[in-house]
Each structure stands twice: as structure tokens, then as C-alpha cells.
Amino acid sequence: MLNFDEARFLEIQGGAVALAPRIDAVIAEAISAGATNLYFLGTGGVAYLMEPAVQLLHRRSGFQVFKDYPAEVVLTGTANLTDKSIVVMPSLSGTTKESVAMLEKVKEIGCTLITLVGHAQTPLGLGGNPALVNFAEDDTSSESFYIQSLLIALSVMKARGEIDNYDALVAEMQTVPQALLDAKRAFEPKAEEYASIIAGADYHMFTGAGNMWPEALYYATCILEEMQWIRTRPVHASDFFHGPLELIETGVSLILFRGEDAYDALAERVAQFAPQYTDRFTVLDVAEFAPRSLSEEMRALLSPAMMATLLERLSAHLEVMRDHPLVTRRYYKRVAY
């Protein structure tokens, strides 16, 4: 595969799966001690990667779950964030400005603080109780964070008696790193073709539903806009028919992400509409590439990670095709803001 280190990838994703016992222990302890809610407080793209876990808990757990912006909460506080909260703060670098500022406020409150970081000797790497460290970099971090946040959601449901197959799911997750690699291999022959679709226009609309929506938002915003300077318009599939559909016409690129969760009917509605009005409609469906060795439930839960792992292959070809390395920035971490 183009510009790809298989051993490194397997080690990083295996490291995420290996955090399961520590995650389960801290969640169990906090809930048994009387925790009343869970806050996901991420900044930027990594916050998007927490959203499938938030959605899973909203749909299947009675535990109160919130997702908020540290940049706002640090200014005003929020009534439900107390010493009985469990806070999850993800940051690949461990140095994200808004999250570091939030760290001090969380410590003052005195709640359980789980930081998920890629680097230990950083403010967030040193500030969690616990700090869970799994080294990753931009090209491997999405899958790692999806896995870690799913483990948190499953542990919450286990601690509350809301799931009866936790052990089986965590055991199956041992096979997920290899399954992700197999999906990459299956997609690689098509990656350049999909990259040419992205490279062929300077504006794209992206849409998806269920746990595909956060990945559509993430890829459009954090990869194409930040790393490739390509303009995008991400929109949830259920919102597509409430305004954005009027932008669809011949020549407008619309890209639909499809997963394997219960919300694909919303994606199908877009798929039925779009080809009637644009000649640039593209579907990327993880079901075509996710290994059937995984159970149906696991494929549904990890559809976002599967999509992320396919898109990494697309991006590897895109940066070569456009002669624009993914690490190139104009402003991000380069100027004061």
C-alpha cells in the first residue's frame, strides 16, 4: 500500500484495544462511587470522533451523557458538571489550548477525569486521573480514538447492567486491528479512483447518518479543509432535505458515506434523490470493504473506524495527486490566534 507501515498501524490500534481493562476499571469505580453523568469534552476534530460513543449511550443507556465545548465551558461553567461527573478529555497532542485551559477547571471541580492522549509528557498526558496514553499520529489516530471511546461507552453500559455481551464484544475487539488492515487492503485498488473525485473539484458536499455523520464531518473539516484547503459543506443526512438539497445541481459534488448501523435508511433517501439532479454523486460504503469475519454488531459499532481507515488510504493518494502533503498548513500551529 502507498506510503503505509502495516506493523506500525497494527501496534497503534492494538494499543487502543489493550486499554479496555483500565477503562473498564475506572468507569466501574466511578459509577459504583455514585457518578451521575459523563461528559465528553474534546476540542476540534477529536471531539467529532467521540460522537458515535455519545450517540450509542444516548440510544442505549439511561446514564446522562453530555458533549460540550471546552472553550465555552471554561468561560461559564455548566450546571451538570460536578464532582459526581466522569469527564473524558481526548487530545492527540495532549497540548490542545482549549482543553488545557479546561483541565484546570475540571481539577478544581474534583470529578473523575479520563484523558485520552497520544503523548504522555504533555499537560493532558500528565493531568488525567487516569491519563490513558496510546501513541498515534494523524494518520492512525481516528481509529484509535473511535476504539477508545467505544470501550468507554461499553463499560458504562456494563457497569449499569445495560449490556449482556460486554465480554464477548471486548474479546472480538482483539481482532479489530487486523480487520481494519484487511479493509485497507481491500480498498487500496480503488483509493486512487476515489482520490481523483476529490481532486477533481474545489468544493464538495458531504453527508451521512447515524455514526457515519461524525466521520463525514471529520473528513470534510479536519482533512480536506485543514490539510488540503478544499472547501466543503458537511451536512447530516436528516438535515439534507431542509435547505442543502437546494444547492444540488449539475456539476455539484455530493459524497455520501454509508455505514452498517440502523440509520442507513436516511442515507438511502439521499441516494434516491441525488442522482436525479447532479452528475457528481459519489457513494462510499463500508459494507463493501469491512471484513465479514467481524460480527454484524461489531461492524455496526465500528463503522466509523472502518470508514476512517478507508479514507486514510484515499488521503494517501490525494496528497500525492495534488502535490499537497497532509502536514502542510498555513495557520494551524504556525501563527498566533
Protein backbone atom coordinates (compact mmCIF):
# COMPACT_ATOMS: atom_id res chain seq x y z
CA MET A 1 0.00 0.00 0.00
CA LEU A 2 1.16 3.52 -0.83
CA ASN A 3 3.19 5.18 1.95
CA PHE A 4 1.93 2.86 4.66
CA ASP A 5 3.56 0.94 7.54
CA GLU A 6 1.42 -2.08 8.39
CA ALA A 7 3.29 -3.07 11.55
CA ARG A 8 3.07 0.45 12.96
CA PHE A 9 -0.66 0.57 12.24
CA LEU A 10 -1.36 -2.75 13.95
CA GLU A 11 0.67 -1.73 17.00
CA ILE A 12 -1.24 1.54 17.44
CA GLN A 13 -4.71 0.04 17.03
CA GLY A 14 -3.74 -2.90 19.23
CA GLY A 15 -2.66 -0.39 21.85
CA ALA A 16 -6.12 1.19 21.79
CA VAL A 17 -7.83 -2.18 22.28
CA ALA A 18 -5.42 -3.02 25.11
CA LEU A 19 -6.77 -0.08 27.13
CA ALA A 20 -10.04 -1.97 27.72
CA PRO A 21 -9.23 -3.28 31.25
CA ARG A 22 -8.07 0.13 32.51
CA ILE A 23 -11.07 1.90 31.00
CA ASP A 24 -13.45 -0.64 32.47
CA ALA A 25 -11.88 -0.41 35.92
CA VAL A 26 -12.06 3.39 36.18
CA ILE A 27 -15.63 3.55 34.82
CA ALA A 28 -16.79 0.80 37.19
CA GLU A 29 -15.17 2.50 40.17
CA ALA A 30 -16.64 5.91 39.35
CA ILE A 31 -20.17 4.62 38.80
CA SER A 32 -20.09 2.47 41.92
CA ALA A 33 -18.96 5.57 43.85
CA GLY A 34 -22.03 7.48 42.71
CA ALA A 35 -21.13 9.18 39.43
CA THR A 36 -24.23 10.79 37.96
CA ASN A 37 -23.19 11.69 34.42
CA LEU A 38 -20.49 11.53 31.77
CA TYR A 39 -19.04 14.50 29.86
CA PHE A 40 -17.06 14.25 26.64
CA LEU A 41 -15.01 17.45 26.45
CA GLY A 42 -12.92 17.34 23.31
CA THR A 43 -11.77 20.19 21.09
CA GLY A 44 -11.91 20.22 17.31
CA GLY A 45 -11.72 17.03 15.29
CA VAL A 46 -11.13 14.70 18.20
CA ALA A 47 -14.48 15.82 19.63
CA TYR A 48 -16.16 14.60 16.44
CA LEU A 49 -14.52 11.21 16.97
CA MET A 50 -16.28 10.88 20.34
CA GLU A 51 -19.74 11.41 18.85
CA PRO A 52 -20.52 7.78 17.91
CA ALA A 53 -19.97 6.81 21.57
CA VAL A 54 -22.19 9.68 22.68
CA GLN A 55 -24.91 8.55 20.29
CA LEU A 56 -24.62 4.93 21.42
CA LEU A 57 -25.10 5.94 25.04
CA HIS A 58 -27.97 8.28 24.21
CA ARG A 59 -29.76 5.47 22.42
CA ARG A 60 -28.99 2.52 24.69
CA SER A 61 -28.18 3.80 28.19
CA GLY A 62 -30.11 5.66 30.87
CA PHE A 63 -26.89 7.30 32.10
CA GLN A 64 -26.77 11.05 31.50
CA VAL A 65 -24.23 11.86 28.78
CA PHE A 66 -23.18 15.32 27.59
CA LYS A 67 -20.85 16.55 24.87
CA ASP A 68 -19.75 20.17 25.18
CA TYR A 69 -17.15 22.66 24.01
CA PRO A 70 -14.30 23.21 26.49
CA ALA A 71 -13.82 26.69 25.04
CA GLU A 72 -17.35 27.60 26.17
CA VAL A 73 -17.48 25.64 29.43
CA VAL A 74 -14.25 27.20 30.68
CA LEU A 75 -15.87 30.63 30.35
CA THR A 76 -19.19 29.97 32.08
CA GLY A 77 -19.17 26.53 33.66
CA THR A 78 -22.19 24.26 33.25
CA ALA A 79 -24.68 23.16 35.88
CA ASN A 80 -24.36 19.40 35.38
CA LEU A 81 -20.56 19.27 35.58
CA THR A 82 -19.92 18.44 39.24
CA ASP A 83 -17.65 16.34 41.41
CA LYS A 84 -20.00 13.44 40.58
CA SER A 85 -19.21 13.67 36.88
CA ILE A 86 -16.93 11.49 34.78
CA VAL A 87 -15.08 13.67 32.27
CA VAL A 88 -13.40 12.31 29.15
CA MET A 89 -10.93 14.70 27.54
CA PRO A 90 -9.29 13.46 24.32
CA SER A 91 -6.35 15.19 22.68
CA LEU A 92 -3.87 13.55 20.35
CA SER A 93 -1.14 16.08 21.10
CA GLY A 94 -2.06 16.45 24.77
CA THR A 95 -1.48 20.19 24.37
CA THR A 96 -4.69 21.49 22.78
CA LYS A 97 -5.05 25.05 24.09
CA GLU A 98 -8.77 24.99 24.91
CA SER A 99 -8.55 21.57 26.55
CA VAL A 100 -5.54 22.53 28.66
CA ALA A 101 -7.50 25.52 29.94
CA MET A 102 -10.44 23.24 30.73
CA LEU A 103 -8.14 20.83 32.54
CA GLU A 104 -7.59 23.25 35.42
CA LYS A 105 -11.31 23.88 35.85
CA VAL A 106 -12.05 20.13 35.89
CA LYS A 107 -9.38 19.60 38.53
CA GLU A 108 -10.96 22.32 40.67
CA ILE A 109 -14.33 20.59 40.42
CA GLY A 110 -12.76 17.33 41.55
CA CYS A 111 -14.52 14.86 39.26
CA THR A 112 -13.13 11.68 37.70
CA LEU A 113 -11.01 12.84 34.75
CA ILE A 114 -10.01 10.44 31.99
CA THR A 115 -7.63 11.93 29.44
CA LEU A 116 -7.04 10.10 26.16
CA VAL A 117 -3.76 11.22 24.62
CA GLY A 118 -1.12 10.18 22.15
CA HIS A 119 1.79 11.65 24.11
CA ALA A 120 2.48 11.18 27.82
CA GLN A 121 4.73 14.11 28.72
CA THR A 122 2.13 16.77 27.99
CA PRO A 123 -0.36 18.72 30.11
CA LEU A 124 -3.21 16.32 29.37
CA GLY A 125 -0.88 13.33 29.46
CA LEU A 126 0.14 14.28 32.99
CA GLY A 127 -3.19 15.70 34.11
CA GLY A 128 -5.66 12.82 33.97
CA ASN A 129 -6.74 10.53 36.76
CA PRO A 130 -6.09 8.37 34.87
CA ALA A 131 -4.30 9.54 31.75
CA LEU A 132 -4.60 6.82 29.12
CA VAL A 133 -1.79 7.07 26.62
CA ASN A 134 -1.74 5.35 23.25
CA PHE A 135 0.82 6.79 20.87
CA ALA A 136 -0.63 7.72 17.50
CA GLU A 137 -0.21 10.33 14.80
CA ASP A 138 -2.66 11.97 12.43
CA ASP A 139 -2.83 9.05 10.01
CA THR A 140 -3.65 6.49 12.72
CA SER A 141 -5.43 8.48 15.41
CA SER A 142 -9.04 8.34 14.19
CA GLU A 143 -9.38 4.58 14.53
CA SER A 144 -7.59 4.65 17.88
CA PHE A 145 -9.96 7.26 19.32
CA TYR A 146 -13.04 5.54 17.91
CA ILE A 147 -11.95 2.32 19.63
CA GLN A 148 -11.21 4.01 22.95
CA SER A 149 -14.49 5.93 23.04
CA LEU A 150 -16.45 2.78 22.17
CA LEU A 151 -14.75 0.98 25.05
CA ILE A 152 -15.82 3.79 27.39
CA ALA A 153 -19.44 3.54 26.21
CA LEU A 154 -19.49 -0.24 26.58
CA SER A 155 -18.01 -0.01 30.08
CA VAL A 156 -20.68 2.48 31.14
CA MET A 157 -23.41 0.12 29.97
CA LYS A 158 -21.69 -2.83 31.65
CA ALA A 159 -21.43 -1.01 34.98
CA ARG A 160 -25.12 -0.16 34.82
CA GLY A 161 -26.26 -3.63 33.77
CA GLU A 162 -27.43 -2.37 30.37
CA ILE A 163 -25.46 -4.81 28.23
CA ASP A 164 -25.14 -8.58 28.47
CA ASN A 165 -22.37 -9.27 25.95
CA TYR A 166 -19.61 -6.88 27.05
CA ASP A 167 -17.03 -9.64 27.45
CA ALA A 168 -17.81 -11.10 24.02
CA LEU A 169 -17.55 -7.69 22.33
CA VAL A 170 -14.25 -6.84 24.00
CA ALA A 171 -12.89 -10.27 23.09
CA GLU A 172 -13.91 -9.71 19.48
CA MET A 173 -12.22 -6.32 19.50
CA GLN A 174 -8.88 -8.11 19.73
CA THR A 175 -9.42 -8.93 16.05
CA VAL A 176 -10.33 -5.38 15.04
CA PRO A 177 -6.81 -4.08 14.26
CA GLN A 178 -6.31 -6.86 11.70
CA ALA A 179 -9.83 -6.33 10.34
CA LEU A 180 -9.07 -2.64 9.82
CA LEU A 181 -5.88 -3.56 7.99
CA ASP A 182 -7.79 -6.04 5.83
CA ALA A 183 -10.28 -3.30 4.95
CA LYS A 184 -7.41 -1.03 3.88
CA ARG A 185 -6.05 -3.76 1.64
CA ALA A 186 -9.46 -4.32 0.08
CA PHE A 187 -9.92 -0.61 -0.60
CA GLU A 188 -6.42 0.20 -1.84
CA PRO A 189 -7.13 -0.72 -5.51
CA LYS A 190 -9.96 1.86 -5.50
CA ALA A 191 -8.30 4.53 -3.36
CA GLU A 192 -6.74 6.40 -6.26
CA GLU A 193 -10.07 6.46 -8.12
CA TYR A 194 -11.83 8.00 -5.13
CA ALA A 195 -8.96 10.44 -4.61
CA SER A 196 -9.38 11.65 -8.19
CA ILE A 197 -13.02 12.50 -7.40
CA ILE A 198 -11.89 14.72 -4.51
CA ALA A 199 -9.07 16.23 -6.55
CA GLY A 200 -11.44 16.92 -9.44
CA ALA A 201 -13.36 19.74 -7.74
CA ASP A 202 -12.65 22.55 -5.30
CA TYR A 203 -15.99 22.17 -3.48
CA HIS A 204 -17.75 19.08 -2.15
CA MET A 205 -20.84 18.43 -0.07
CA PHE A 206 -20.53 15.52 2.38
CA THR A 207 -23.34 13.72 4.12
CA GLY A 208 -24.02 10.68 6.29
CA ALA A 209 -26.34 9.48 9.03
CA GLY A 210 -26.01 7.71 12.37
CA ASN A 211 -22.42 7.01 13.30
CA MET A 212 -21.31 7.88 9.75
CA TRP A 213 -22.18 11.54 10.25
CA PRO A 214 -19.27 12.34 12.62
CA GLU A 215 -16.82 10.79 10.17
CA ALA A 216 -18.29 12.79 7.28
CA LEU A 217 -17.92 15.95 9.36
CA TYR A 218 -14.41 15.00 10.46
CA TYR A 219 -13.11 14.15 7.00
CA ALA A 220 -14.60 17.22 5.35
CA THR A 221 -13.40 19.60 8.05
CA CYS A 222 -10.19 18.19 9.51
CA ILE A 223 -8.70 16.53 6.44
CA LEU A 224 -9.97 18.25 3.31
CA GLU A 225 -10.30 21.77 4.70
CA GLU A 226 -7.41 21.77 7.16
CA MET A 227 -4.94 19.51 5.39
CA GLN A 228 -5.86 20.03 1.71
CA TRP A 229 -7.51 23.50 1.65
CA ILE A 230 -10.51 22.13 -0.24
CA ARG A 231 -13.84 23.80 0.52
CA THR A 232 -16.57 21.50 1.84
CA ARG A 233 -20.15 21.62 3.08
CA PRO A 234 -20.80 18.75 5.55
CA VAL A 235 -24.47 18.17 6.40
CA HIS A 236 -26.28 15.42 8.32
CA ALA A 237 -28.42 13.26 6.05
CA SER A 238 -31.55 14.09 8.04
CA ASP A 239 -30.84 17.81 7.57
CA PHE A 240 -30.00 17.46 3.89
CA PHE A 241 -33.65 17.86 2.90
CA HIS A 242 -34.06 21.00 4.98
CA GLY A 243 -32.06 23.50 2.98
CA PRO A 244 -28.90 21.98 1.49
CA LEU A 245 -30.76 20.00 -1.19
CA GLU A 246 -31.34 23.31 -2.98
CA LEU A 247 -27.59 23.51 -3.66
CA ILE A 248 -27.65 20.30 -5.69
CA GLU A 249 -27.39 20.78 -9.45
CA THR A 250 -25.32 19.52 -12.35
CA GLY A 251 -21.62 19.77 -11.54
CA VAL A 252 -22.01 19.88 -7.74
CA SER A 253 -20.13 17.08 -5.99
CA LEU A 254 -22.09 15.29 -3.28
CA ILE A 255 -20.35 12.47 -1.38
CA LEU A 256 -22.38 10.09 0.77
CA PHE A 257 -20.84 7.93 3.49
CA ARG A 258 -22.77 4.73 4.27
CA GLY A 259 -22.21 2.50 7.29
CA GLU A 260 -23.77 -0.60 8.79
CA ASP A 261 -25.76 0.79 11.71
CA ALA A 262 -29.53 1.20 11.99
CA TYR A 263 -29.66 4.61 10.31
CA ASP A 264 -28.83 3.69 6.74
CA ALA A 265 -32.39 4.40 5.63
CA LEU A 266 -31.56 8.10 5.93
CA ALA A 267 -28.57 7.62 3.64
CA GLU A 268 -30.73 5.68 1.19
CA ARG A 269 -33.13 8.62 0.97
CA VAL A 270 -30.25 10.84 -0.19
CA ALA A 271 -29.08 8.14 -2.58
CA GLN A 272 -32.51 8.03 -4.21
CA PHE A 273 -32.69 11.81 -4.61
CA ALA A 274 -29.22 12.99 -5.61
CA PRO A 275 -28.57 11.16 -8.92
CA GLN A 276 -31.65 12.83 -10.43
CA TYR A 277 -30.10 16.27 -10.09
CA THR A 278 -26.30 16.02 -10.11
CA ASP A 279 -23.88 14.10 -12.28
CA ARG A 280 -21.28 14.13 -9.50
CA PHE A 281 -22.79 11.90 -6.84
CA THR A 282 -20.40 9.50 -5.07
CA VAL A 283 -21.13 6.79 -2.50
CA LEU A 284 -18.51 5.26 -0.22
CA ASP A 285 -19.99 2.27 1.61
CA VAL A 286 -18.00 0.50 4.32
CA ALA A 287 -20.08 -2.66 3.79
CA GLU A 288 -18.13 -3.22 0.57
CA PHE A 289 -14.82 -3.43 2.41
CA ALA A 290 -15.39 -4.37 6.09
CA PRO A 291 -14.36 -7.99 6.65
CA ARG A 292 -17.25 -10.40 7.15
CA SER A 293 -15.15 -12.07 9.85
CA LEU A 294 -16.47 -9.42 12.24
CA SER A 295 -19.92 -9.92 13.73
CA GLU A 296 -22.80 -7.83 12.43
CA GLU A 297 -22.94 -5.95 15.74
CA MET A 298 -19.23 -5.16 15.72
CA ARG A 299 -19.34 -3.97 12.12
CA ALA A 300 -22.17 -1.61 13.04
CA LEU A 301 -20.42 -0.29 16.15
CA LEU A 302 -17.13 0.26 14.34
CA SER A 303 -18.41 1.55 11.00
CA PRO A 304 -16.85 4.98 11.71
CA ALA A 305 -13.44 3.42 12.35
CA MET A 306 -13.80 1.37 9.19
CA MET A 307 -14.65 4.48 7.18
CA ALA A 308 -11.72 6.36 8.73
CA THR A 309 -9.34 3.58 7.81
CA LEU A 310 -10.54 3.62 4.18
CA LEU A 311 -10.27 7.39 4.00
CA GLU A 312 -6.67 7.29 5.22
CA ARG A 313 -5.88 5.33 2.06
CA LEU A 314 -7.78 7.86 -0.06
CA SER A 315 -5.84 10.71 1.59
CA ALA A 316 -2.51 9.00 0.99
CA HIS A 317 -3.22 9.06 -2.74
CA LEU A 318 -4.82 12.50 -2.67
CA GLU A 319 -1.77 14.26 -1.21
CA VAL A 320 0.42 12.77 -3.93
CA MET A 321 -2.08 13.51 -6.67
CA ARG A 322 -2.40 17.16 -5.60
CA ASP A 323 1.26 17.56 -4.58
CA HIS A 324 -0.02 18.86 -1.25
CA PRO A 325 1.35 16.95 1.77
CA LEU A 326 -1.16 16.44 4.57
CA VAL A 327 1.22 18.09 7.03
CA THR A 328 1.21 21.41 5.13
CA ARG A 329 -0.52 24.25 6.99
CA ARG A 330 -0.78 28.00 6.56
CA TYR A 331 -2.08 28.96 10.01
CA TYR A 332 -2.67 25.92 12.23
CA LYS A 333 0.02 25.94 14.92
CA ARG A 334 2.03 28.31 12.73
CA VAL A 335 0.69 31.75 13.62
CA ALA A 336 -0.83 33.30 16.73
CA TYR A 337 -4.60 33.02 17.03
